[in-house]
């Protein structure tokens, strides 16, 4: 008799595995084409985006050898009962618990495991604890936890043109909205690639691309750099300017930390799939050349080619928030030194014309002025700190916000964004921006040695605040009789200023520990 090979059941159907040495993630995505299972950090096992159910229990598939689940039952979001799947989509859409949608299929599987244990929807503490296995960069966690409590209670969501317009304003790129996004159908570039496409990944040497029939083979040929984190500590990369100032601040390197790593694909002679897809990566993907690479390699090989960055590639190659070192006085005068970055001086001068801006050369990764709030946010926060109080912060697009921090750490935000368009979507983006402003001041950093080498290549080493570390965030929205404008950038700046003032203006960001993120 012939060897039947490794067998398992996936979404109720028997499957024979082509490659028993593969990971469960590779079998689900590459062999079976189940696109709800997302790869955000493989094989680090740290982001939770690839979480599925194995015999009803949540399992991170990127670090699970498929041979360990032989003969067992695997369920992805596609395999959930139709009504259960619809209820989760409605729950996330009704709370704004999914923006780009990359992390939510894995979270839904985690929550399904929690439901199977009989945990009550009212038990939000258990939901937050369950989310320790996950990362979400967009939502600030609170809408995700609210989605857990809303399962089975939410009415079907009516996605309007206003919903999409508000999401596009806040995300700064075309954005899909609605239950389908939470279920993994946001339209990410790699999800739409043809099954017969070759796979290209960067060579570990930095010289060219490894191209192979499968992702696993391409990574092996590239000599992939394995993710690492470090306990090494390096101070801020830019020295403070000379002089006496009312307030000083030094920041380090900060990784944008978007979950969908850069990807594109192209047919020979075709138009590359957009790298931005359903998430703008907070400005970090605007300089990506992966589309051009995909077109060139497809033409060269005469076949469709998928071009993928692993998490370590995205950290090494992607642009960072420019570090600064500044001193400022109450009259708005002072000196701000910033890593040399095209466009950064203009962004700073637009909000702080009294500052002398000095661009300096710093060994380290590439920087970009397109990163969310880069330059102008730090200058705005410095101005508020020098004046000793926080008024309304107005972002370059015209949205305004102010914030305060309660004695118990709770964050309260007031927002003016023109026509609201969709209050659920606007609230979600504002909570996410508040979470990002809080983390920027208190916990986020990327360890870069003085010679410029990045020492943190795992997604958990970036310091992104977890659900259990994030305080309650309340958002008050003022309806205005003017066209809709981006508001979440102003919220990020206002919360950063409020958090820093509340902490007593420690001179170095991040001000505290990484909240257990290591």
Protein backbone atom coordinates (compact mmCIF):
# COMPACT_ATOMS: atom_id res chain seq x y z
CA UNK A 1 0.00 0.00 0.00
CA UNK A 2 1.16 3.54 -0.71
CA UNK A 3 1.87 5.88 2.19
CA UNK A 4 -1.16 8.20 2.56
CA UNK A 5 1.11 10.90 3.99
CA UNK A 6 0.34 13.25 6.86
CA UNK A 7 -3.39 13.82 7.16
CA UNK A 8 -5.48 16.25 9.15
CA UNK A 9 -8.93 17.79 8.98
CA UNK A 10 -9.16 21.47 8.05
CA UNK A 11 -12.50 23.24 8.32
CA UNK A 12 -14.27 19.89 8.30
CA UNK A 13 -12.53 18.47 5.25
CA UNK A 14 -9.74 15.85 5.14
CA UNK A 15 -6.41 17.18 3.89
CA UNK A 16 -3.21 15.39 2.89
CA UNK A 17 -0.18 17.58 3.55
CA UNK A 18 2.25 18.07 0.67
CA UNK A 19 5.22 18.86 2.92
CA UNK A 20 5.18 17.27 6.41
CA UNK A 21 8.17 19.40 7.47
CA UNK A 22 6.24 22.64 6.88
CA UNK A 23 4.65 24.80 9.53
CA UNK A 24 0.90 24.75 9.98
CA UNK A 25 0.84 28.36 8.76
CA UNK A 26 2.50 27.43 5.47
CA UNK A 27 0.11 24.54 4.92
CA UNK A 28 -2.94 26.71 5.59
CA UNK A 29 -1.87 29.72 3.50
CA UNK A 30 0.41 28.26 0.86
CA UNK A 31 -1.08 24.81 0.20
CA UNK A 32 -4.75 25.42 1.01
CA UNK A 33 -5.03 29.14 0.21
CA UNK A 34 -6.80 30.06 3.47
CA UNK A 35 -6.13 33.79 3.50
CA UNK A 36 -7.72 34.66 6.85
CA UNK A 37 -4.60 33.19 8.46
CA UNK A 38 -2.17 36.11 8.39
CA UNK A 39 1.62 36.14 8.68
CA UNK A 40 2.76 39.12 10.74
CA UNK A 41 5.98 37.82 12.31
CA UNK A 42 6.66 34.21 11.23
CA UNK A 43 8.39 32.33 12.77
CA UNK A 44 8.52 34.53 15.86
CA UNK A 45 5.13 33.45 17.20
CA UNK A 46 4.61 36.85 18.79
CA UNK A 47 1.86 38.76 16.98
CA UNK A 48 -1.01 36.24 17.06
CA UNK A 49 -2.18 37.04 13.51
CA UNK A 50 -1.85 33.39 12.44
CA UNK A 51 -3.87 31.97 15.36
CA UNK A 52 -6.23 29.12 14.47
CA UNK A 53 -8.15 26.50 16.45
CA UNK A 54 -6.71 23.00 16.85
CA UNK A 55 -9.33 20.68 18.30
CA UNK A 56 -11.09 23.83 19.47
CA UNK A 57 -8.10 25.36 21.23
CA UNK A 58 -6.21 28.45 19.96
CA UNK A 59 -2.80 27.70 18.47
CA UNK A 60 -0.24 30.04 16.88
CA UNK A 61 0.28 28.33 13.54
CA UNK A 62 3.59 29.91 12.47
CA UNK A 63 5.49 28.07 15.21
CA UNK A 64 3.49 24.85 15.01
CA UNK A 65 5.10 22.12 12.87
CA UNK A 66 2.26 20.56 10.90
CA UNK A 67 3.42 17.09 11.90
CA UNK A 68 2.34 17.91 15.47
CA UNK A 69 -1.28 18.29 14.40
CA UNK A 70 -1.49 15.17 12.23
CA UNK A 71 -4.89 13.51 12.61
CA UNK A 72 -6.33 16.51 14.41
CA UNK A 73 -8.99 19.06 13.48
CA UNK A 74 -7.95 22.58 12.48
CA UNK A 75 -10.43 25.44 12.14
CA UNK A 76 -9.76 28.84 10.65
CA UNK A 77 -12.18 31.78 10.46
CA UNK A 78 -13.37 30.41 7.10
CA UNK A 79 -14.44 27.19 8.83
CA UNK A 80 -16.48 28.70 11.66
CA UNK A 81 -20.23 28.19 11.63
CA UNK A 82 -21.73 30.74 9.25
CA UNK A 83 -23.81 32.44 11.95
CA UNK A 84 -20.87 32.53 14.38
CA UNK A 85 -18.66 34.06 11.71
CA UNK A 86 -21.28 36.68 10.87
CA UNK A 87 -21.78 37.54 14.53
CA UNK A 88 -18.08 38.14 15.01
CA UNK A 89 -17.93 40.34 11.92
CA UNK A 90 -20.86 42.42 13.15
CA UNK A 91 -19.42 42.67 16.67
CA UNK A 92 -16.09 44.02 15.44
CA UNK A 93 -17.68 46.37 12.92
CA UNK A 94 -20.15 47.78 15.46
CA UNK A 95 -17.39 48.73 17.92
CA UNK A 96 -14.68 49.76 15.46
CA UNK A 97 -12.64 46.79 16.67
CA UNK A 98 -11.08 46.27 13.26
CA UNK A 99 -9.36 48.92 11.15
CA UNK A 100 -6.86 47.36 8.77
CA UNK A 101 -8.20 43.94 9.76
CA UNK A 102 -4.89 42.11 9.68
CA UNK A 103 -4.90 41.00 13.32
CA UNK A 104 -8.60 40.34 13.83
CA UNK A 105 -9.05 36.84 12.30
CA UNK A 106 -6.49 35.50 14.77
CA UNK A 107 -8.19 37.39 17.61
CA UNK A 108 -11.57 35.97 16.60
CA UNK A 109 -10.12 32.46 16.83
CA UNK A 110 -8.73 33.31 20.26
CA UNK A 111 -12.10 34.64 21.37
CA UNK A 112 -13.83 31.52 20.03
CA UNK A 113 -11.55 29.45 22.27
CA UNK A 114 -12.55 31.67 25.18
CA UNK A 115 -16.25 31.25 24.39
CA UNK A 116 -15.79 27.48 24.28
CA UNK A 117 -14.60 27.66 27.89
CA UNK A 118 -17.83 29.36 28.89
CA UNK A 119 -16.29 32.75 29.69
CA UNK A 120 -19.07 35.33 29.96
CA UNK A 121 -19.16 38.27 27.52
CA UNK A 122 -19.17 40.61 30.50
CA UNK A 123 -15.78 39.32 31.65
CA UNK A 124 -13.58 41.81 29.84
CA UNK A 125 -10.60 41.11 32.09
CA UNK A 126 -10.45 37.54 30.75
CA UNK A 127 -10.61 38.92 27.22
CA UNK A 128 -7.69 41.26 27.90
CA UNK A 129 -5.69 38.42 29.37
CA UNK A 130 -6.42 36.29 26.30
CA UNK A 131 -5.12 39.13 24.11
CA UNK A 132 -1.66 38.78 25.67
CA UNK A 133 -0.93 36.43 22.78
CA UNK A 134 -1.80 39.13 20.22
CA UNK A 135 -0.77 42.53 18.98
CA UNK A 136 -3.00 45.18 17.43
CA UNK A 137 -1.45 48.42 16.23
CA UNK A 138 -4.56 50.19 14.95
CA UNK A 139 -7.37 50.16 17.48
CA UNK A 140 -5.88 50.78 20.92
CA UNK A 141 -7.45 47.49 22.12
CA UNK A 142 -10.55 48.98 23.74
CA UNK A 143 -12.84 48.47 20.71
CA UNK A 144 -11.51 44.90 20.41
CA UNK A 145 -12.48 44.14 24.00
CA UNK A 146 -15.86 45.76 23.39
CA UNK A 147 -16.31 43.45 20.38
CA UNK A 148 -15.79 40.47 22.70
CA UNK A 149 -18.67 41.69 24.87
CA UNK A 150 -20.80 42.52 21.83
CA UNK A 151 -20.71 39.07 20.24
CA UNK A 152 -24.24 37.94 19.41
CA UNK A 153 -25.73 41.24 20.53
CA UNK A 154 -24.77 43.48 17.62
CA UNK A 155 -27.17 44.22 14.80
CA UNK A 156 -25.84 43.91 11.24
CA UNK A 157 -23.70 46.93 10.41
CA UNK A 158 -24.67 49.26 7.57
CA UNK A 159 -21.46 50.43 5.93
CA UNK A 160 -22.02 53.83 4.34
CA UNK A 161 -19.99 56.06 2.08
CA UNK A 162 -19.38 58.18 5.17
CA UNK A 163 -17.87 55.21 7.00
CA UNK A 164 -15.41 54.60 4.19
CA UNK A 165 -14.65 58.32 3.80
CA UNK A 166 -13.87 58.72 7.50
CA UNK A 167 -11.65 55.62 7.56
CA UNK A 168 -9.81 56.83 4.47
CA UNK A 169 -9.24 60.26 6.02
CA UNK A 170 -7.88 58.77 9.23
CA UNK A 171 -5.85 56.02 7.57
CA UNK A 172 -4.55 58.31 4.81
CA UNK A 173 -5.12 55.65 2.20
CA UNK A 174 -8.11 53.91 0.63
CA UNK A 175 -9.61 51.90 3.45
CA UNK A 176 -12.25 49.18 3.53
CA UNK A 177 -14.76 49.13 6.38
CA UNK A 178 -17.22 46.54 7.63
CA UNK A 179 -17.63 42.97 8.91
CA UNK A 180 -15.69 41.43 6.02
CA UNK A 181 -12.56 43.32 7.08
CA UNK A 182 -12.62 41.79 10.56
CA UNK A 183 -12.96 38.35 9.00
CA UNK A 184 -9.73 38.75 7.05
CA UNK A 185 -11.04 40.04 3.72
CA UNK A 186 -9.48 43.49 3.75
CA UNK A 187 -7.74 42.99 0.41
CA UNK A 188 -4.12 42.71 1.49
CA UNK A 189 -1.65 42.41 -1.35
CA UNK A 190 -0.39 38.90 -0.65
CA UNK A 191 -3.93 37.56 -0.18
CA UNK A 192 -4.75 38.12 -3.84
CA UNK A 193 -1.59 36.61 -5.36
CA UNK A 194 -2.09 33.73 -7.83
CA UNK A 195 -1.37 30.26 -6.49
CA UNK A 196 1.33 29.57 -9.08
CA UNK A 197 3.35 32.71 -8.35
CA UNK A 198 7.03 32.46 -7.55
CA UNK A 199 8.10 33.92 -4.21
CA UNK A 200 10.90 36.49 -3.78
CA UNK A 201 12.45 37.59 -0.50
CA UNK A 202 15.50 39.79 0.19
CA UNK A 203 18.88 38.10 0.44
CA UNK A 204 20.23 38.26 3.98
CA UNK A 205 23.37 39.83 2.56
CA UNK A 206 21.29 42.74 1.29
CA UNK A 207 22.36 41.99 -2.27
CA UNK A 208 19.39 41.11 -4.46
CA UNK A 209 16.46 38.74 -4.11
CA UNK A 210 16.08 34.99 -3.59
CA UNK A 211 13.37 33.61 -5.89
CA UNK A 212 11.86 30.16 -5.46
CA UNK A 213 8.69 28.15 -5.96
CA UNK A 214 7.63 28.45 -2.32
CA UNK A 215 8.06 30.92 0.49
CA UNK A 216 9.92 28.36 2.61
CA UNK A 217 12.36 27.64 -0.19
CA UNK A 218 12.91 31.34 -0.86
CA UNK A 219 13.65 32.03 2.80
CA UNK A 220 16.10 29.13 2.92
CA UNK A 221 17.87 30.36 -0.22
CA UNK A 222 18.04 33.90 1.15
CA UNK A 223 19.83 32.87 4.34
CA UNK A 224 17.06 34.58 6.33
CA UNK A 225 18.13 36.63 9.34
CA UNK A 226 16.42 35.16 12.39
CA UNK A 227 14.54 37.58 14.63
CA UNK A 228 16.21 38.60 17.85
CA UNK A 229 15.71 40.91 20.77
CA UNK A 230 18.30 42.36 23.04
CA UNK A 231 18.83 43.41 26.62
CA UNK A 232 21.47 45.89 25.52
CA UNK A 233 20.81 49.53 26.33
CA UNK A 234 21.94 52.49 24.27
CA UNK A 235 21.16 56.10 25.07
CA UNK A 236 19.43 58.57 22.77
CA UNK A 237 21.40 58.93 19.53
CA UNK A 238 21.42 62.75 19.41
CA UNK A 239 23.01 64.99 22.05
CA UNK A 240 21.05 67.86 23.55
CA UNK A 241 21.90 71.33 22.23
CA UNK A 242 24.01 73.60 24.41
CA UNK A 243 22.17 76.22 26.43
CA UNK A 244 19.72 76.71 29.26
CA UNK A 245 16.13 75.76 28.46
CA UNK A 246 12.85 75.49 30.30
CA UNK A 247 12.19 72.00 28.87
CA UNK A 248 14.45 69.45 27.19
CA UNK A 249 13.64 66.22 25.38
CA UNK A 250 15.57 63.40 23.74
CA UNK A 251 13.90 60.59 21.82
CA UNK A 252 15.31 57.35 20.48
CA UNK A 253 14.51 55.19 17.50
CA UNK A 254 10.87 54.15 17.14
CA UNK A 255 9.59 51.38 14.85
CA UNK A 256 6.21 52.08 13.17
CA UNK A 257 5.23 48.53 14.08
CA UNK A 258 2.53 47.90 11.49
CA UNK A 259 1.42 44.28 11.43
CA UNK A 260 1.09 43.55 7.72
CA UNK A 261 4.67 43.34 6.51
CA UNK A 262 5.38 44.82 3.08
CA UNK A 263 4.17 42.71 0.15
CA UNK A 264 3.33 43.01 -3.52
CA UNK A 265 2.95 40.78 -6.56
CA UNK A 266 2.84 41.24 -10.28
CA UNK A 267 2.14 39.38 -13.52
CA UNK A 268 4.71 39.77 -16.31
CA UNK A 269 4.01 43.13 -17.91
CA UNK A 270 1.23 43.81 -15.41
CA UNK A 271 0.44 46.37 -12.73
CA UNK A 272 1.85 45.49 -9.28
CA UNK A 273 -0.53 44.93 -6.37
CA UNK A 274 -0.42 48.02 -4.14
CA UNK A 275 1.77 47.71 -1.06
CA UNK A 276 -0.59 49.88 0.98
CA UNK A 277 -3.61 47.58 0.45
CA UNK A 278 -5.96 48.10 3.45
CA UNK A 279 -3.47 49.73 5.75
CA UNK A 280 -1.30 52.79 5.33
CA UNK A 281 1.34 51.59 7.84
CA UNK A 282 1.22 55.05 9.43
CA UNK A 283 3.19 56.47 6.52
CA UNK A 284 5.98 53.90 6.67
CA UNK A 285 5.16 52.12 3.39
CA UNK A 286 4.98 55.23 1.21
CA UNK A 287 8.63 54.82 0.18
CA UNK A 288 8.38 51.06 -0.48
CA UNK A 289 9.71 49.89 -3.85
CA UNK A 290 8.29 46.35 -3.63
CA UNK A 291 5.84 46.94 -6.46
CA UNK A 292 8.63 47.88 -8.83
CA UNK A 293 10.64 44.86 -7.67
CA UNK A 294 7.68 42.55 -8.28
CA UNK A 295 7.22 43.93 -11.82
CA UNK A 296 10.93 43.57 -12.63
CA UNK A 297 11.18 40.01 -11.32
CA UNK A 298 7.95 38.94 -13.02
CA UNK A 299 9.24 40.24 -16.34
CA UNK A 300 12.58 38.56 -15.73
CA UNK A 301 11.11 35.12 -14.88
CA UNK A 302 8.11 35.22 -17.19
CA UNK A 303 5.79 34.25 -14.32
CA UNK A 304 3.85 36.02 -11.57
CA UNK A 305 6.10 36.85 -8.62
CA UNK A 306 5.16 37.58 -4.99
CA UNK A 307 7.64 39.83 -3.22
CA UNK A 308 7.52 39.53 0.56
CA UNK A 309 9.33 41.06 3.50
CA UNK A 310 9.62 38.96 6.64
CA UNK A 311 9.26 40.81 9.94
CA UNK A 312 13.03 41.06 10.28
CA UNK A 313 13.27 42.54 6.78
CA UNK A 314 10.63 45.14 7.56
CA UNK A 315 12.54 46.20 10.67
CA UNK A 316 15.91 46.35 8.95
CA UNK A 317 14.76 48.00 5.72
CA UNK A 318 11.73 50.10 6.69
CA UNK A 319 11.93 53.79 7.70
CA UNK A 320 11.73 54.89 11.32
CA UNK A 321 10.50 57.93 13.19
CA UNK A 322 13.38 60.48 13.20
CA UNK A 323 14.99 60.81 16.66
CA UNK A 324 15.23 64.31 18.11
CA UNK A 325 17.03 66.21 20.88
CA UNK A 326 15.63 69.61 21.78
CA UNK A 327 15.58 72.44 24.26
CA UNK A 328 12.75 74.96 24.33
CA UNK A 329 11.69 77.99 26.34
CA UNK A 330 8.26 79.30 27.27
CA UNK A 331 8.39 81.90 24.49
CA UNK A 332 8.63 79.14 21.88
CA UNK A 333 12.30 79.73 21.15
CA UNK A 334 14.96 77.09 21.37
CA UNK A 335 16.86 74.49 19.36
CA UNK A 336 15.61 71.19 17.95
CA UNK A 337 18.09 68.72 16.55
CA UNK A 338 16.69 65.96 14.37
CA UNK A 339 18.08 63.08 12.31
CA UNK A 340 18.56 64.34 8.78
CA UNK A 341 15.34 63.51 6.94
CA UNK A 342 13.88 65.04 3.77
CA UNK A 343 10.92 67.26 4.66
CA UNK A 344 11.31 67.06 8.43
CA UNK A 345 12.50 70.65 8.94
CA UNK A 346 9.46 72.03 7.13
CA UNK A 347 7.12 69.85 9.19
CA UNK A 348 8.63 71.16 12.43
CA UNK A 349 8.77 74.80 11.34
CA UNK A 350 5.08 74.74 10.40
CA UNK A 351 4.05 74.34 14.05
CA UNK A 352 7.06 75.81 15.88
CA UNK A 353 8.46 78.73 13.84
CA UNK A 354 10.47 79.97 16.84
CA UNK A 355 12.65 76.89 16.99
CA UNK A 356 16.07 76.72 15.36
CA UNK A 357 16.16 73.39 13.51
CA UNK A 358 19.44 71.55 13.16
CA UNK A 359 19.48 68.41 11.02
CA UNK A 360 22.27 66.05 12.01
CA UNK A 361 23.67 62.85 10.54
CA UNK A 362 22.98 59.81 12.72
CA UNK A 363 24.14 56.24 12.13
CA UNK A 364 21.10 54.03 11.94
CA UNK A 365 18.12 52.96 9.85
CA UNK A 366 16.37 55.12 7.29
CA UNK A 367 13.98 57.77 8.58
CA UNK A 368 10.92 59.36 7.02
CA UNK A 369 8.95 62.56 7.54
CA UNK A 370 5.86 60.65 6.35
CA UNK A 371 5.70 58.64 9.58
CA UNK A 372 2.62 59.63 11.55
CA UNK A 373 3.21 63.02 13.20
CA UNK A 374 6.97 62.89 12.66
CA UNK A 375 8.63 66.12 13.76
CA UNK A 376 5.60 68.31 14.17
CA UNK A 377 4.20 66.10 16.96
CA UNK A 378 7.38 66.35 19.04
CA UNK A 379 7.54 70.12 18.44
CA UNK A 380 3.89 70.55 19.42
CA UNK A 381 4.39 68.53 22.59
CA UNK A 382 7.49 70.59 23.46
CA UNK A 383 5.55 73.84 23.06
CA UNK A 384 2.77 72.62 25.36
CA UNK A 385 5.32 71.45 27.92
CA UNK A 386 7.18 74.79 27.87
CA UNK A 387 3.91 76.63 28.47
CA UNK A 388 3.02 74.25 31.29
CA UNK A 389 -0.47 73.44 30.05
CA UNK A 390 -2.24 71.72 27.21
CA UNK A 391 -4.79 73.57 25.14
CA UNK A 392 -6.24 72.43 21.85
CA UNK A 393 -3.70 70.82 19.54
CA UNK A 394 -4.29 71.44 15.84
CA UNK A 395 -2.68 69.05 13.38
CA UNK A 396 -1.51 70.16 9.91
CA UNK A 397 -4.72 68.83 8.31
CA UNK A 398 -6.88 70.99 10.58
CA UNK A 399 -8.20 68.42 13.04
CA UNK A 400 -8.00 69.43 16.70
CA UNK A 401 -7.86 67.58 19.99
CA UNK A 402 -7.09 68.00 23.64
CA UNK A 403 -6.67 65.44 26.38
CA UNK A 404 -6.23 64.90 30.08
CA UNK A 405 -4.92 62.05 32.21
CA UNK A 406 -6.81 61.09 35.34
CA UNK A 407 -5.23 60.24 38.66
CA UNK A 408 -5.82 56.57 37.88
CA UNK A 409 -4.19 56.86 34.45
CA UNK A 410 -7.43 57.03 32.50
CA UNK A 411 -7.22 58.98 29.25
CA UNK A 412 -9.94 61.43 28.23
CA UNK A 413 -9.91 62.99 24.77
CA UNK A 414 -11.93 65.73 23.08
CA UNK A 415 -11.96 65.84 19.29
CA UNK A 416 -12.97 68.29 16.56
CA UNK A 417 -12.86 66.74 13.10
CA UNK A 418 -15.38 68.64 11.00
CA UNK A 419 -18.30 66.53 9.78
CA UNK A 420 -18.21 63.30 11.79
CA UNK A 421 -19.37 61.02 8.92
CA UNK A 422 -19.32 57.90 11.11
CA UNK A 423 -18.92 58.19 14.91
CA UNK A 424 -17.93 54.54 15.40
CA UNK A 425 -15.12 54.73 12.87
CA UNK A 426 -13.91 58.11 14.13
CA UNK A 427 -13.94 56.93 17.75
CA UNK A 428 -11.97 53.81 16.85
CA UNK A 429 -9.24 55.75 15.08
CA UNK A 430 -9.04 58.25 17.93
CA UNK A 431 -8.68 55.50 20.54
CA UNK A 432 -5.98 53.91 18.40
CA UNK A 433 -4.17 57.25 18.10
CA UNK A 434 -4.42 57.80 21.86
CA UNK A 435 -2.87 54.37 22.42
CA UNK A 436 -0.06 55.28 20.03
CA UNK A 437 0.58 58.65 21.71
CA UNK A 438 0.66 56.97 25.11
CA UNK A 439 3.10 54.32 23.92
CA UNK A 440 5.34 56.82 22.12
CA UNK A 441 6.00 58.64 25.39
CA UNK A 442 6.05 55.75 27.84
CA UNK A 443 7.17 52.50 26.24
CA UNK A 444 8.09 52.40 22.57
CA UNK A 445 11.68 52.18 21.41
CA UNK A 446 13.92 50.26 19.04
CA UNK A 447 17.41 49.34 20.19
CA UNK A 448 19.97 50.62 17.68
CA UNK A 449 23.70 50.47 18.42
CA UNK A 450 25.87 53.58 17.96
CA UNK A 451 27.22 52.05 14.74
CA UNK A 452 23.67 51.92 13.36
CA UNK A 453 22.99 48.18 13.71
CA UNK A 454 19.45 47.36 14.79
CA UNK A 455 19.46 44.96 17.75
CA UNK A 456 15.69 44.47 18.08
CA UNK A 457 14.16 42.42 15.27
CA UNK A 458 11.18 40.82 17.03
CA UNK A 459 7.78 42.46 17.05
CA UNK A 460 7.47 42.20 20.83
CA UNK A 461 10.67 44.19 21.31
CA UNK A 462 9.16 47.43 19.94
CA UNK A 463 7.38 48.28 23.20
CA UNK A 464 3.85 48.45 21.79
CA UNK A 465 1.44 48.58 24.73
CA UNK A 466 -0.56 45.42 25.30
CA UNK A 467 -4.28 45.29 26.09
CA UNK A 468 -3.63 44.68 29.78
CA UNK A 469 -1.34 47.74 29.93
CA UNK A 470 -3.68 50.15 28.17
CA UNK A 471 -5.84 52.36 30.41
CA UNK A 472 -9.48 53.13 29.60
CA UNK A 473 -9.77 55.79 26.89
CA UNK A 474 -12.85 58.01 26.56
CA UNK A 475 -13.43 60.02 23.40
CA UNK A 476 -15.76 63.03 23.17
CA UNK A 477 -16.54 64.15 19.61
CA UNK A 478 -17.65 67.71 18.78
CA UNK A 479 -19.74 67.87 15.62
CA UNK A 480 -18.66 70.81 13.44
CA UNK A 481 -20.19 72.53 10.46
CA UNK A 482 -17.19 72.16 8.14
CA UNK A 483 -15.80 69.47 5.86
CA UNK A 484 -14.41 66.37 7.53
CA UNK A 485 -10.69 66.40 8.33
CA UNK A 486 -8.24 63.92 9.82
CA UNK A 487 -8.50 64.04 13.61
CA UNK A 488 -6.53 61.06 14.89
CA UNK A 489 -3.14 62.68 14.28
CA UNK A 490 -4.15 65.57 16.55
CA UNK A 491 -5.32 63.04 19.14
CA UNK A 492 -1.95 61.27 19.10
CA UNK A 493 -0.15 64.59 19.70
CA UNK A 494 -2.58 65.75 22.39
CA UNK A 495 -2.37 62.48 24.33
CA UNK A 496 1.43 62.43 24.05
CA UNK A 497 1.54 65.96 25.48
CA UNK A 498 -0.93 65.16 28.25
CA UNK A 499 0.93 61.99 29.25
CA UNK A 500 4.29 63.77 29.33
CA UNK A 501 2.95 66.69 31.35
CA UNK A 502 1.23 64.28 33.74
CA UNK A 503 4.51 62.39 34.25
CA UNK A 504 6.41 65.57 35.14
CA UNK A 505 8.33 65.96 31.84
CA UNK A 506 11.08 63.30 32.12
CA UNK A 507 13.73 64.39 29.61
CA UNK A 508 13.99 61.11 27.69
CA UNK A 509 11.34 59.11 25.82
CA UNK A 510 10.28 56.40 26.46
CA UNK A 511 9.82 57.40 30.06
CA UNK A 512 9.07 54.00 31.57
CA UNK A 513 9.48 50.29 31.11
CA UNK A 514 8.25 48.49 28.05
CA UNK A 515 5.31 47.19 30.06
CA UNK A 516 6.40 43.58 29.83
CA UNK A 517 6.61 43.65 26.04
CA UNK A 518 9.98 41.92 26.11
